Amino acid sequence: MDQDYAHFIFSKFEEVKFDPAGWKYVVPETVAECIARPYRGKKILDAYAGLGGNTIQFALNGNEVISLESYKKRFLYLQHNCRIYEVDERADLRNVSAADCGLDKETFDVVYLDPPWETRDFDPGVLARPYLKNTEEVLVKMPKEASNEFLLNSGAAKILEIYVNRSPFLKIAYYFSDNRDGRTVEKEIISYPKLSYIFP
């Protein structure tokens, strides 16, 4: 495994635990930090926590995080990785799926959704809509190939395009409970010179 890329995913790569499928979907540390940066002191649901890339950064930024991971083995890795980053006391980790967790009676400030898009074919707005009953803001992570027109037509009020160096990496679609006016597209560029041979 490329060591520079491995440390791009987790700076504590030598200490974390992972499975191949979980590694494929985890959001790299600097990218997850970029997503978490606007939020502090919030109650956040990470409904597809995986190995914990986003959970860790939300917690490090001072948020209360409820993280769901249905796959037992990956859930154990999630617990381990949160301990390695010393956020295990700030994250409520649950070995349950988003569909079966009974969260309809809980409220959140923010919900973060990162489903495995390669195995699914659905509208992110449809995915986000049920959560807007119990939260002010839903973030849906999308592949870089998702068209902005499609996302805006799905009801997104804002799109964040994240680049690593000058290369498109992923997008975040934002949905709000107050149906606010205005549809914006913003860009965030993360500089990571060690990976310029992968992301020019």
N, C-alpha and C. Protein backbone atom coordinates (compact mmCIF):
# COMPACT_ATOMS: atom_id res chain seq x y z
N MET A 1 0.84 -1.20 0.00
CA MET A 1 0.00 0.00 0.00
C MET A 1 0.88 1.25 0.00
N ASP A 2 0.50 2.21 -0.81
CA ASP A 2 1.22 3.48 -0.88
C ASP A 2 1.14 4.17 0.49
N GLN A 3 2.28 4.40 1.13
CA GLN A 3 2.29 4.95 2.49
C GLN A 3 1.81 6.40 2.54
N ASP A 4 2.14 7.19 1.52
CA ASP A 4 1.66 8.57 1.50
C ASP A 4 0.14 8.60 1.42
N TYR A 5 -0.43 7.75 0.57
CA TYR A 5 -1.89 7.71 0.44
C TYR A 5 -2.52 7.17 1.72
N ALA A 6 -1.91 6.16 2.32
CA ALA A 6 -2.43 5.59 3.57
C ALA A 6 -2.50 6.64 4.67
N HIS A 7 -1.48 7.50 4.76
CA HIS A 7 -1.48 8.55 5.77
C HIS A 7 -2.39 9.72 5.40
N PHE A 8 -2.72 9.83 4.14
CA PHE A 8 -3.74 10.78 3.70
C PHE A 8 -5.11 10.34 4.23
N ILE A 9 -5.35 9.03 4.24
CA ILE A 9 -6.61 8.50 4.75
C ILE A 9 -6.68 8.65 6.27
N PHE A 10 -5.67 8.13 6.95
CA PHE A 10 -5.57 8.23 8.41
C PHE A 10 -4.13 8.61 8.77
N SER A 11 -3.94 9.73 9.43
CA SER A 11 -2.58 10.11 9.82
C SER A 11 -1.99 9.10 10.80
N LYS A 12 -2.84 8.39 11.53
CA LYS A 12 -2.39 7.33 12.45
C LYS A 12 -2.59 5.96 11.81
N PHE A 13 -2.23 5.87 10.53
CA PHE A 13 -2.49 4.67 9.75
C PHE A 13 -1.96 3.40 10.42
N GLU A 14 -0.77 3.47 11.02
CA GLU A 14 -0.17 2.28 11.61
C GLU A 14 -0.98 1.74 12.80
N GLU A 15 -1.85 2.58 13.35
CA GLU A 15 -2.60 2.18 14.55
C GLU A 15 -4.05 1.82 14.28
N VAL A 16 -4.62 2.29 13.19
CA VAL A 16 -6.04 2.03 12.95
C VAL A 16 -6.26 0.62 12.42
N LYS A 17 -7.51 0.17 12.49
CA LYS A 17 -7.91 -1.11 11.94
C LYS A 17 -8.93 -0.88 10.84
N PHE A 18 -8.90 -1.74 9.82
CA PHE A 18 -9.80 -1.55 8.70
C PHE A 18 -9.98 -2.86 7.93
N ASP A 19 -11.04 -2.92 7.15
CA ASP A 19 -11.26 -4.01 6.21
C ASP A 19 -11.23 -3.41 4.81
N PRO A 20 -10.98 -4.21 3.77
CA PRO A 20 -10.84 -3.65 2.42
C PRO A 20 -12.04 -2.84 1.95
N ALA A 21 -13.26 -3.32 2.21
CA ALA A 21 -14.44 -2.58 1.76
C ALA A 21 -14.59 -1.27 2.53
N GLY A 22 -14.34 -1.31 3.83
CA GLY A 22 -14.43 -0.09 4.62
C GLY A 22 -13.39 0.93 4.20
N TRP A 23 -12.19 0.46 3.88
CA TRP A 23 -11.11 1.34 3.43
C TRP A 23 -11.49 2.03 2.12
N LYS A 24 -12.19 1.31 1.28
CA LYS A 24 -12.58 1.86 -0.02
C LYS A 24 -13.49 3.08 0.12
N TYR A 25 -14.33 3.08 1.15
CA TYR A 25 -15.33 4.15 1.28
C TYR A 25 -14.98 5.23 2.30
N VAL A 26 -13.94 5.02 3.11
CA VAL A 26 -13.66 6.00 4.17
C VAL A 26 -13.24 7.34 3.57
N VAL A 27 -13.71 8.42 4.19
CA VAL A 27 -13.34 9.77 3.75
C VAL A 27 -11.99 10.12 4.36
N PRO A 28 -11.01 10.54 3.56
CA PRO A 28 -9.68 10.88 4.09
C PRO A 28 -9.74 11.94 5.17
N GLU A 29 -8.77 11.89 6.05
CA GLU A 29 -8.77 12.72 7.25
C GLU A 29 -8.89 14.22 6.95
N THR A 30 -8.08 14.72 6.04
CA THR A 30 -8.12 16.16 5.76
C THR A 30 -9.43 16.57 5.08
N VAL A 31 -10.01 15.67 4.31
CA VAL A 31 -11.30 15.95 3.67
C VAL A 31 -12.41 15.94 4.72
N ALA A 32 -12.38 14.95 5.61
CA ALA A 32 -13.38 14.88 6.69
C ALA A 32 -13.29 16.10 7.60
N GLU A 33 -12.07 16.57 7.84
CA GLU A 33 -11.88 17.77 8.67
C GLU A 33 -12.51 18.97 7.98
N CYS A 34 -12.38 19.06 6.67
CA CYS A 34 -12.97 20.16 5.90
C CYS A 34 -14.50 20.13 6.03
N ILE A 35 -15.09 18.95 5.98
CA ILE A 35 -16.54 18.81 6.09
C ILE A 35 -17.01 19.18 7.49
N ALA A 36 -16.23 18.81 8.51
CA ALA A 36 -16.62 19.04 9.90
C ALA A 36 -16.39 20.47 10.37
N ARG A 37 -15.52 21.19 9.70
CA ARG A 37 -15.04 22.50 10.18
C ARG A 37 -16.15 23.49 10.57
N PRO A 38 -17.25 23.59 9.82
CA PRO A 38 -18.26 24.61 10.19
C PRO A 38 -19.05 24.27 11.45
N TYR A 39 -18.91 23.06 11.98
CA TYR A 39 -19.78 22.63 13.06
C TYR A 39 -19.02 22.49 14.37
N ARG A 40 -19.56 23.08 15.40
CA ARG A 40 -18.98 22.99 16.75
C ARG A 40 -20.12 23.06 17.76
N GLY A 41 -20.07 22.17 18.74
CA GLY A 41 -21.11 22.15 19.77
C GLY A 41 -22.46 21.68 19.26
N LYS A 42 -22.46 20.91 18.18
CA LYS A 42 -23.71 20.42 17.59
C LYS A 42 -23.93 18.94 17.95
N LYS A 43 -25.18 18.53 17.84
CA LYS A 43 -25.51 17.11 17.95
C LYS A 43 -25.64 16.57 16.54
N ILE A 44 -24.75 15.65 16.17
CA ILE A 44 -24.63 15.20 14.78
C ILE A 44 -24.85 13.69 14.69
N LEU A 45 -25.65 13.29 13.72
CA LEU A 45 -25.84 11.87 13.41
C LEU A 45 -24.99 11.52 12.19
N ASP A 46 -24.08 10.56 12.35
CA ASP A 46 -23.33 10.00 11.24
C ASP A 46 -23.95 8.63 10.97
N ALA A 47 -24.83 8.58 9.98
CA ALA A 47 -25.69 7.41 9.80
C ALA A 47 -25.03 6.24 9.09
N TYR A 48 -23.89 6.47 8.45
CA TYR A 48 -23.16 5.39 7.79
C TYR A 48 -21.69 5.55 8.18
N ALA A 49 -21.36 5.23 9.43
CA ALA A 49 -20.08 5.64 10.00
C ALA A 49 -18.88 4.90 9.44
N GLY A 50 -19.04 3.65 9.03
CA GLY A 50 -17.91 2.90 8.49
C GLY A 50 -16.76 2.81 9.47
N LEU A 51 -15.57 3.15 9.00
CA LEU A 51 -14.37 3.08 9.83
C LEU A 51 -14.18 4.30 10.73
N GLY A 52 -15.05 5.30 10.56
CA GLY A 52 -15.03 6.42 11.49
C GLY A 52 -14.35 7.69 11.02
N GLY A 53 -14.01 7.78 9.74
CA GLY A 53 -13.31 8.97 9.27
C GLY A 53 -14.03 10.26 9.59
N ASN A 54 -15.34 10.31 9.31
CA ASN A 54 -16.10 11.53 9.58
C ASN A 54 -16.46 11.66 11.05
N THR A 55 -16.82 10.55 11.68
CA THR A 55 -17.14 10.58 13.11
C THR A 55 -15.99 11.19 13.91
N ILE A 56 -14.78 10.76 13.61
CA ILE A 56 -13.60 11.24 14.35
C ILE A 56 -13.45 12.75 14.19
N GLN A 57 -13.58 13.25 12.99
CA GLN A 57 -13.38 14.69 12.76
C GLN A 57 -14.52 15.52 13.34
N PHE A 58 -15.76 15.04 13.26
CA PHE A 58 -16.86 15.75 13.90
C PHE A 58 -16.62 15.83 15.41
N ALA A 59 -16.17 14.73 16.00
CA ALA A 59 -15.94 14.71 17.45
C ALA A 59 -14.75 15.58 17.84
N LEU A 60 -13.68 15.53 17.06
CA LEU A 60 -12.52 16.36 17.36
C LEU A 60 -12.85 17.84 17.30
N ASN A 61 -13.88 18.18 16.54
CA ASN A 61 -14.27 19.59 16.41
C ASN A 61 -15.25 20.01 17.51
N GLY A 62 -15.44 19.14 18.51
CA GLY A 62 -16.25 19.52 19.66
C GLY A 62 -17.73 19.26 19.54
N ASN A 63 -18.11 18.30 18.71
CA ASN A 63 -19.51 17.96 18.54
C ASN A 63 -19.86 16.67 19.28
N GLU A 64 -21.13 16.53 19.62
CA GLU A 64 -21.66 15.27 20.14
C GLU A 64 -22.09 14.44 18.93
N VAL A 65 -21.53 13.25 18.77
CA VAL A 65 -21.76 12.47 17.55
C VAL A 65 -22.40 11.13 17.90
N ILE A 66 -23.48 10.81 17.20
CA ILE A 66 -24.07 9.47 17.26
C ILE A 66 -23.74 8.80 15.94
N SER A 67 -23.04 7.66 16.01
CA SER A 67 -22.53 7.02 14.80
C SER A 67 -23.10 5.61 14.67
N LEU A 68 -23.60 5.33 13.48
CA LEU A 68 -24.23 4.04 13.22
C LEU A 68 -23.40 3.22 12.23
N GLU A 69 -23.18 1.96 12.56
CA GLU A 69 -22.51 1.03 11.64
C GLU A 69 -23.11 -0.35 11.87
N SER A 70 -23.74 -0.90 10.84
CA SER A 70 -24.49 -2.15 11.00
C SER A 70 -23.61 -3.40 10.92
N TYR A 71 -22.49 -3.33 10.21
CA TYR A 71 -21.63 -4.50 10.01
C TYR A 71 -20.78 -4.70 11.26
N LYS A 72 -20.93 -5.84 11.93
CA LYS A 72 -20.33 -6.05 13.24
C LYS A 72 -18.81 -5.89 13.23
N LYS A 73 -18.14 -6.51 12.29
CA LYS A 73 -16.68 -6.43 12.26
C LYS A 73 -16.22 -4.99 12.07
N ARG A 74 -16.88 -4.28 11.15
CA ARG A 74 -16.49 -2.89 10.90
C ARG A 74 -16.84 -2.01 12.10
N PHE A 75 -17.90 -2.35 12.81
CA PHE A 75 -18.25 -1.62 14.02
C PHE A 75 -17.14 -1.75 15.06
N LEU A 76 -16.54 -2.92 15.19
CA LEU A 76 -15.43 -3.10 16.13
C LEU A 76 -14.23 -2.25 15.70
N TYR A 77 -14.01 -2.14 14.39
CA TYR A 77 -12.94 -1.27 13.89
C TYR A 77 -13.26 0.19 14.18
N LEU A 78 -14.53 0.56 14.03
CA LEU A 78 -14.96 1.92 14.35
C LEU A 78 -14.67 2.24 15.81
N GLN A 79 -15.00 1.33 16.71
CA GLN A 79 -14.71 1.54 18.13
C GLN A 79 -13.21 1.71 18.36
N HIS A 80 -12.43 0.83 17.76
CA HIS A 80 -10.98 0.89 17.92
C HIS A 80 -10.43 2.22 17.41
N ASN A 81 -10.84 2.63 16.22
CA ASN A 81 -10.29 3.84 15.61
C ASN A 81 -10.66 5.08 16.41
N CYS A 82 -11.86 5.10 16.98
CA CYS A 82 -12.25 6.24 17.82
C CYS A 82 -11.40 6.28 19.09
N ARG A 83 -11.03 5.12 19.61
CA ARG A 83 -10.13 5.11 20.77
C ARG A 83 -8.75 5.62 20.41
N ILE A 84 -8.27 5.23 19.24
CA ILE A 84 -6.94 5.68 18.79
C ILE A 84 -6.88 7.20 18.68
N TYR A 85 -7.97 7.80 18.20
CA TYR A 85 -8.02 9.26 18.05
C TYR A 85 -8.58 9.95 19.30
N GLU A 86 -8.82 9.16 20.34
CA GLU A 86 -9.25 9.67 21.66
C GLU A 86 -10.55 10.47 21.58
N VAL A 87 -11.49 9.95 20.80
CA VAL A 87 -12.82 10.57 20.74
C VAL A 87 -13.92 9.60 21.18
N ASP A 88 -13.53 8.46 21.71
CA ASP A 88 -14.51 7.43 22.06
C ASP A 88 -15.50 7.90 23.12
N GLU A 89 -15.11 8.86 23.95
CA GLU A 89 -16.03 9.37 24.97
C GLU A 89 -16.94 10.46 24.42
N ARG A 90 -16.66 10.95 23.22
CA ARG A 90 -17.49 12.00 22.62
C ARG A 90 -18.39 11.45 21.52
N ALA A 91 -18.24 10.18 21.22
CA ALA A 91 -19.02 9.56 20.15
C ALA A 91 -19.83 8.39 20.72
N ASP A 92 -21.12 8.43 20.48
CA ASP A 92 -22.03 7.35 20.87
C ASP A 92 -22.11 6.39 19.69
N LEU A 93 -21.41 5.27 19.78
CA LEU A 93 -21.30 4.33 18.67
C LEU A 93 -22.33 3.23 18.81
N ARG A 94 -23.09 2.99 17.74
CA ARG A 94 -24.18 2.01 17.79
C ARG A 94 -24.06 1.02 16.63
N ASN A 95 -24.11 -0.25 16.97
CA ASN A 95 -24.01 -1.32 15.97
C ASN A 95 -25.41 -1.62 15.43
N VAL A 96 -25.89 -0.73 14.58
CA VAL A 96 -27.24 -0.82 14.05
C VAL A 96 -27.29 -0.05 12.74
N SER A 97 -28.23 -0.40 11.87
CA SER A 97 -28.37 0.33 10.61
C SER A 97 -29.25 1.56 10.81
N ALA A 98 -29.14 2.50 9.90
CA ALA A 98 -29.95 3.71 9.97
C ALA A 98 -31.43 3.37 9.89
N ALA A 99 -31.77 2.32 9.14
CA ALA A 99 -33.18 1.96 8.96
C ALA A 99 -33.78 1.33 10.21
N ASP A 100 -32.93 0.72 11.06
CA ASP A 100 -33.44 -0.05 12.20
C ASP A 100 -33.15 0.57 13.56
N CYS A 101 -32.65 1.80 13.59
CA CYS A 101 -32.17 2.35 14.86
C CYS A 101 -33.22 3.10 15.66
N GLY A 102 -34.41 3.31 15.09
CA GLY A 102 -35.47 3.98 15.83
C GLY A 102 -35.14 5.40 16.22
N LEU A 103 -34.57 6.16 15.30
CA LEU A 103 -34.15 7.52 15.61
C LEU A 103 -35.25 8.55 15.39
N ASP A 104 -36.45 8.08 15.05
CA ASP A 104 -37.53 9.03 14.76
C ASP A 104 -37.93 9.86 15.97
N LYS A 105 -37.53 9.42 17.18
CA LYS A 105 -37.86 10.17 18.40
C LYS A 105 -36.71 11.05 18.87
N GLU A 106 -35.59 11.02 18.14
CA GLU A 106 -34.45 11.86 18.50
C GLU A 106 -34.34 13.01 17.53
N THR A 107 -33.81 14.13 18.00
CA THR A 107 -33.57 15.27 17.14
C THR A 107 -32.08 15.55 17.06
N PHE A 108 -31.67 16.12 15.94
CA PHE A 108 -30.26 16.41 15.70
C PHE A 108 -30.13 17.80 15.09
N ASP A 109 -28.96 18.38 15.26
CA ASP A 109 -28.68 19.64 14.58
C ASP A 109 -28.28 19.38 13.13
N VAL A 110 -27.53 18.29 12.94
CA VAL A 110 -26.99 17.96 11.62
C VAL A 110 -27.04 16.44 11.44
N VAL A 111 -27.39 16.00 10.24
CA VAL A 111 -27.30 14.59 9.87
C VAL A 111 -26.35 14.47 8.69
N TYR A 112 -25.40 13.54 8.79
CA TYR A 112 -24.43 13.31 7.72
C TYR A 112 -24.68 11.92 7.14
N LEU A 113 -24.88 11.85 5.82
CA LEU A 113 -25.20 10.60 5.14
C LEU A 113 -24.12 10.29 4.11
N ASP A 114 -23.53 9.11 4.24
CA ASP A 114 -22.49 8.69 3.31
C ASP A 114 -22.71 7.22 2.95
N PRO A 115 -23.80 6.94 2.21
CA PRO A 115 -24.07 5.55 1.84
C PRO A 115 -23.12 5.08 0.75
N PRO A 116 -22.98 3.77 0.58
CA PRO A 116 -22.11 3.24 -0.50
C PRO A 116 -22.79 3.40 -1.85
N TRP A 117 -22.55 4.54 -2.51
CA TRP A 117 -23.27 4.87 -3.74
C TRP A 117 -23.07 3.85 -4.84
N GLU A 118 -21.94 3.18 -4.87
CA GLU A 118 -21.69 2.24 -5.96
C GLU A 118 -22.64 1.06 -5.92
N THR A 119 -23.25 0.80 -4.75
CA THR A 119 -24.17 -0.33 -4.63
C THR A 119 -25.62 0.12 -4.61
N ARG A 120 -25.85 1.42 -4.84
CA ARG A 120 -27.20 1.95 -4.75
C ARG A 120 -27.47 2.89 -5.91
N ASP A 121 -28.72 3.06 -6.21
CA ASP A 121 -29.13 3.99 -7.27
C ASP A 121 -30.36 4.73 -6.78
N PHE A 122 -30.18 5.89 -6.17
CA PHE A 122 -31.31 6.63 -5.68
C PHE A 122 -31.01 8.12 -5.65
N ASP A 123 -32.06 8.88 -5.44
CA ASP A 123 -31.99 10.34 -5.41
C ASP A 123 -31.55 10.78 -4.01
N PRO A 124 -30.47 11.56 -3.87
CA PRO A 124 -30.03 11.99 -2.54
C PRO A 124 -31.07 12.83 -1.82
N GLY A 125 -31.89 13.56 -2.57
CA GLY A 125 -32.96 14.33 -1.95
C GLY A 125 -33.99 13.43 -1.29
N VAL A 126 -34.30 12.30 -1.93
CA VAL A 126 -35.22 11.33 -1.35
C VAL A 126 -34.62 10.72 -0.10
N LEU A 127 -33.32 10.46 -0.12
CA LEU A 127 -32.63 9.93 1.05
C LEU A 127 -32.65 10.93 2.20
N ALA A 128 -32.44 12.20 1.90
CA ALA A 128 -32.33 13.23 2.93
C ALA A 128 -33.67 13.60 3.54
N ARG A 129 -34.73 13.54 2.74
CA ARG A 129 -36.02 14.11 3.16
C ARG A 129 -36.56 13.59 4.49
N PRO A 130 -36.55 12.26 4.76
CA PRO A 130 -37.10 11.79 6.05
C PRO A 130 -36.35 12.36 7.26
N TYR A 131 -35.06 12.60 7.11
CA TYR A 131 -34.27 13.12 8.23
C TYR A 131 -34.58 14.57 8.54
N LEU A 132 -35.11 15.30 7.54
CA LEU A 132 -35.40 16.72 7.75
C LEU A 132 -36.57 16.95 8.71
N LYS A 133 -37.26 15.88 9.08
CA LYS A 133 -38.32 16.00 10.09
C LYS A 133 -37.72 16.22 11.47
N ASN A 134 -36.49 15.72 11.67
CA ASN A 134 -35.87 15.74 13.01
C ASN A 134 -34.57 16.52 13.05
N THR A 135 -34.25 17.24 11.99
CA THR A 135 -32.98 17.97 11.98
C THR A 135 -33.10 19.22 11.13
N GLU A 136 -32.17 20.13 11.33
CA GLU A 136 -32.17 21.38 10.58
C GLU A 136 -31.43 21.24 9.25
N GLU A 137 -30.47 20.30 9.20
CA GLU A 137 -29.55 20.27 8.07
C GLU A 137 -29.10 18.83 7.80
N VAL A 138 -29.16 18.43 6.56
CA VAL A 138 -28.69 17.10 6.15
C VAL A 138 -27.61 17.27 5.10
N LEU A 139 -26.48 16.61 5.33
CA LEU A 139 -25.38 16.59 4.37
C LEU A 139 -25.32 15.21 3.73
N VAL A 140 -25.25 15.17 2.42
CA VAL A 140 -25.13 13.89 1.71
C VAL A 140 -23.85 13.91 0.90
N LYS A 141 -22.96 12.97 1.19
CA LYS A 141 -21.72 12.87 0.43
C LYS A 141 -22.01 12.23 -0.92
N MET A 142 -21.50 12.84 -1.98
CA MET A 142 -21.74 12.36 -3.33
C MET A 142 -20.42 12.17 -4.06
N PRO A 143 -20.39 11.25 -5.03
CA PRO A 143 -19.18 11.11 -5.84
C PRO A 143 -18.93 12.36 -6.67
N LYS A 144 -17.69 12.57 -7.04
CA LYS A 144 -17.33 13.78 -7.78
C LYS A 144 -18.04 13.87 -9.12
N GLU A 145 -18.47 12.71 -9.65
CA GLU A 145 -19.11 12.69 -10.97
C GLU A 145 -20.55 13.17 -10.94
N ALA A 146 -21.16 13.26 -9.76
CA ALA A 146 -22.56 13.70 -9.67
C ALA A 146 -22.70 15.11 -10.24
N SER A 147 -23.69 15.31 -11.09
CA SER A 147 -23.84 16.62 -11.72
C SER A 147 -24.49 17.60 -10.75
N ASN A 148 -24.04 18.84 -10.78
CA ASN A 148 -24.61 19.86 -9.92
C ASN A 148 -26.09 20.10 -10.24
N GLU A 149 -26.44 20.03 -11.51
CA GLU A 149 -27.83 20.22 -11.90
C GLU A 149 -28.72 19.16 -11.26
N PHE A 150 -28.26 17.91 -11.29
CA PHE A 150 -29.01 16.81 -10.67
C PHE A 150 -29.19 17.05 -9.18
N LEU A 151 -28.11 17.47 -8.49
CA LEU A 151 -28.18 17.68 -7.05
C LEU A 151 -29.10 18.85 -6.70
N LEU A 152 -29.00 19.93 -7.43
CA LEU A 152 -29.86 21.09 -7.17
C LEU A 152 -31.31 20.75 -7.45
N ASN A 153 -31.56 20.00 -8.50
CA ASN A 153 -32.94 19.59 -8.81
C ASN A 153 -33.50 18.62 -7.78
N SER A 154 -32.62 17.95 -7.05
CA SER A 154 -33.07 17.02 -6.00
C SER A 154 -33.46 17.75 -4.72
N GLY A 155 -33.25 19.06 -4.70
CA GLY A 155 -33.62 19.86 -3.54
C GLY A 155 -32.47 20.41 -2.74
N ALA A 156 -31.24 20.14 -3.16
CA ALA A 156 -30.08 20.66 -2.44
C ALA A 156 -30.06 22.19 -2.53
N ALA A 157 -29.80 22.83 -1.40
CA ALA A 157 -29.69 24.29 -1.39
C ALA A 157 -28.26 24.75 -1.60
N LYS A 158 -27.32 23.84 -1.34
CA LYS A 158 -25.91 24.19 -1.51
C LYS A 158 -25.13 22.94 -1.90
N ILE A 159 -24.11 23.13 -2.70
CA ILE A 159 -23.20 22.05 -3.06
C ILE A 159 -21.79 22.51 -2.74
N LEU A 160 -21.05 21.67 -2.06
CA LEU A 160 -19.63 21.94 -1.80
C LEU A 160 -18.81 20.97 -2.63
N GLU A 161 -18.02 21.51 -3.55
CA GLU A 161 -17.10 20.70 -4.35
C GLU A 161 -15.74 20.70 -3.66
N ILE A 162 -15.25 19.53 -3.28
CA ILE A 162 -13.96 19.45 -2.60
C ILE A 162 -12.91 18.92 -3.57
N TYR A 163 -11.82 19.67 -3.67
CA TYR A 163 -10.70 19.29 -4.52
C TYR A 163 -9.51 18.93 -3.64
N VAL A 164 -8.72 17.97 -4.09
CA VAL A 164 -7.42 17.71 -3.48
C VAL A 164 -6.38 18.16 -4.48
N ASN A 165 -5.58 19.14 -4.07
CA ASN A 165 -4.73 19.88 -5.01
C ASN A 165 -5.64 20.49 -6.07
N ARG A 166 -5.51 20.14 -7.31
CA ARG A 166 -6.42 20.70 -8.32
C ARG A 166 -7.37 19.66 -8.89
N SER A 167 -7.44 18.51 -8.24
CA SER A 167 -8.25 17.41 -8.76
C SER A 167 -9.57 17.29 -8.00
N PRO A 168 -10.70 17.19 -8.70
CA PRO A 168 -11.99 16.99 -8.03
C PRO A 168 -11.94 15.70 -7.21
N PHE A 169 -12.49 15.74 -5.98
CA PHE A 169 -12.42 14.56 -5.11
C PHE A 169 -13.81 14.04 -4.74
N LEU A 170 -14.67 14.91 -4.23
CA LEU A 170 -16.04 14.51 -3.91
C LEU A 170 -16.90 15.76 -3.79
N LYS A 171 -18.20 15.54 -3.59
CA LYS A 171 -19.13 16.65 -3.40
C LYS A 171 -20.00 16.39 -2.17
N ILE A 172 -20.42 17.47 -1.53
CA ILE A 172 -21.37 17.39 -0.43
C ILE A 172 -22.61 18.19 -0.84
N ALA A 173 -23.77 17.54 -0.80
CA ALA A 173 -25.03 18.22 -1.07
C ALA A 173 -25.70 18.54 0.26
N TYR A 174 -26.15 19.78 0.42
CA TYR A 174 -26.74 20.26 1.67
C TYR A 174 -28.25 20.47 1.49
N TYR A 175 -29.01 19.89 2.40
CA TYR A 175 -30.47 20.04 2.41
C TYR A 175 -30.88 20.64 3.75
N PHE A 176 -31.84 21.59 3.74
CA PHE A 176 -32.21 22.30 4.96
C PHE A 176 -33.72 22.17 5.20
N SER A 177 -34.07 22.12 6.47
CA SER A 177 -35.48 21.94 6.83
C SER A 177 -36.31 23.19 6.57
N ASP A 178 -35.67 24.35 6.49
CA ASP A 178 -36.43 25.59 6.31
C ASP A 178 -36.64 25.96 4.84
N ASN A 179 -36.26 25.05 3.93
CA ASN A 179 -36.48 25.29 2.49
C ASN A 179 -35.99 26.67 2.06
N ARG A 180 -34.80 27.01 2.50
CA ARG A 180 -34.26 28.35 2.23
C ARG A 180 -34.07 28.61 0.75
N ASP A 181 -34.20 29.88 0.39
CA ASP A 181 -34.03 30.29 -1.00
C ASP A 181 -32.55 30.32 -1.36
N GLY A 182 -32.29 30.29 -2.63
CA GLY A 182 -30.91 30.41 -3.11
C GLY A 182 -30.27 29.05 -3.25
N ARG A 183 -29.60 28.86 -4.35
CA ARG A 183 -28.90 27.61 -4.59
C ARG A 183 -27.46 27.97 -4.97
N THR A 184 -26.52 27.52 -4.19
CA THR A 184 -25.14 27.93 -4.39
C THR A 184 -24.22 26.72 -4.59
N VAL A 185 -23.13 26.97 -5.29
CA VAL A 185 -22.08 25.98 -5.47
C VAL A 185 -20.78 26.60 -4.98
N GLU A 186 -20.15 25.96 -4.01
CA GLU A 186 -18.91 26.46 -3.43
C GLU A 186 -17.79 25.45 -3.67
N LYS A 187 -16.56 25.95 -3.62
CA LYS A 187 -15.40 25.09 -3.82
C LYS A 187 -14.46 25.19 -2.62
N GLU A 188 -13.89 24.07 -2.24
CA GLU A 188 -12.87 24.01 -1.20
C GLU A 188 -11.70 23.22 -1.76
N ILE A 189 -10.52 23.82 -1.73
CA ILE A 189 -9.32 23.16 -2.27
C ILE A 189 -8.40 22.79 -1.11
N ILE A 190 -8.10 21.51 -1.02
CA ILE A 190 -7.21 20.99 0.02
C ILE A 190 -5.85 20.74 -0.61
N SER A 191 -4.83 21.34 -0.05
CA SER A 191 -3.48 21.15 -0.58
C SER A 191 -2.83 19.96 0.12
N TYR A 192 -2.36 19.02 -0.68
CA TYR A 192 -1.69 17.84 -0.13
C TYR A 192 -0.54 17.49 -1.09
N PRO A 193 0.56 18.23 -1.01
CA PRO A 193 1.66 18.08 -1.98
C PRO A 193 2.23 16.67 -2.07
N LYS A 194 2.21 15.90 -0.98
CA LYS A 194 2.78 14.56 -1.02
C LYS A 194 2.07 13.64 -2.02
N LEU A 195 0.84 14.01 -2.38
CA LEU A 195 0.09 13.17 -3.31
C LEU A 195 -0.09 13.85 -4.66
N SER A 196 0.82 14.75 -5.00
CA SER A 196 0.69 15.44 -6.28
C SER A 196 0.82 14.48 -7.46
N TYR A 197 1.44 13.32 -7.24
CA TYR A 197 1.56 12.34 -8.33
C TYR A 197 0.25 11.58 -8.54
N ILE A 198 -0.67 11.66 -7.56
CA ILE A 198 -1.99 11.06 -7.71
C ILE A 198 -3.03 12.13 -8.02
N PHE A 199 -2.96 13.24 -7.27
CA PHE A 199 -3.88 14.36 -7.45
C PHE A 199 -3.08 15.59 -7.86
N PRO A 200 -2.91 15.78 -9.17
CA PRO A 200 -2.06 16.90 -9.64
C PRO A 200 -2.66 18.26 -9.31
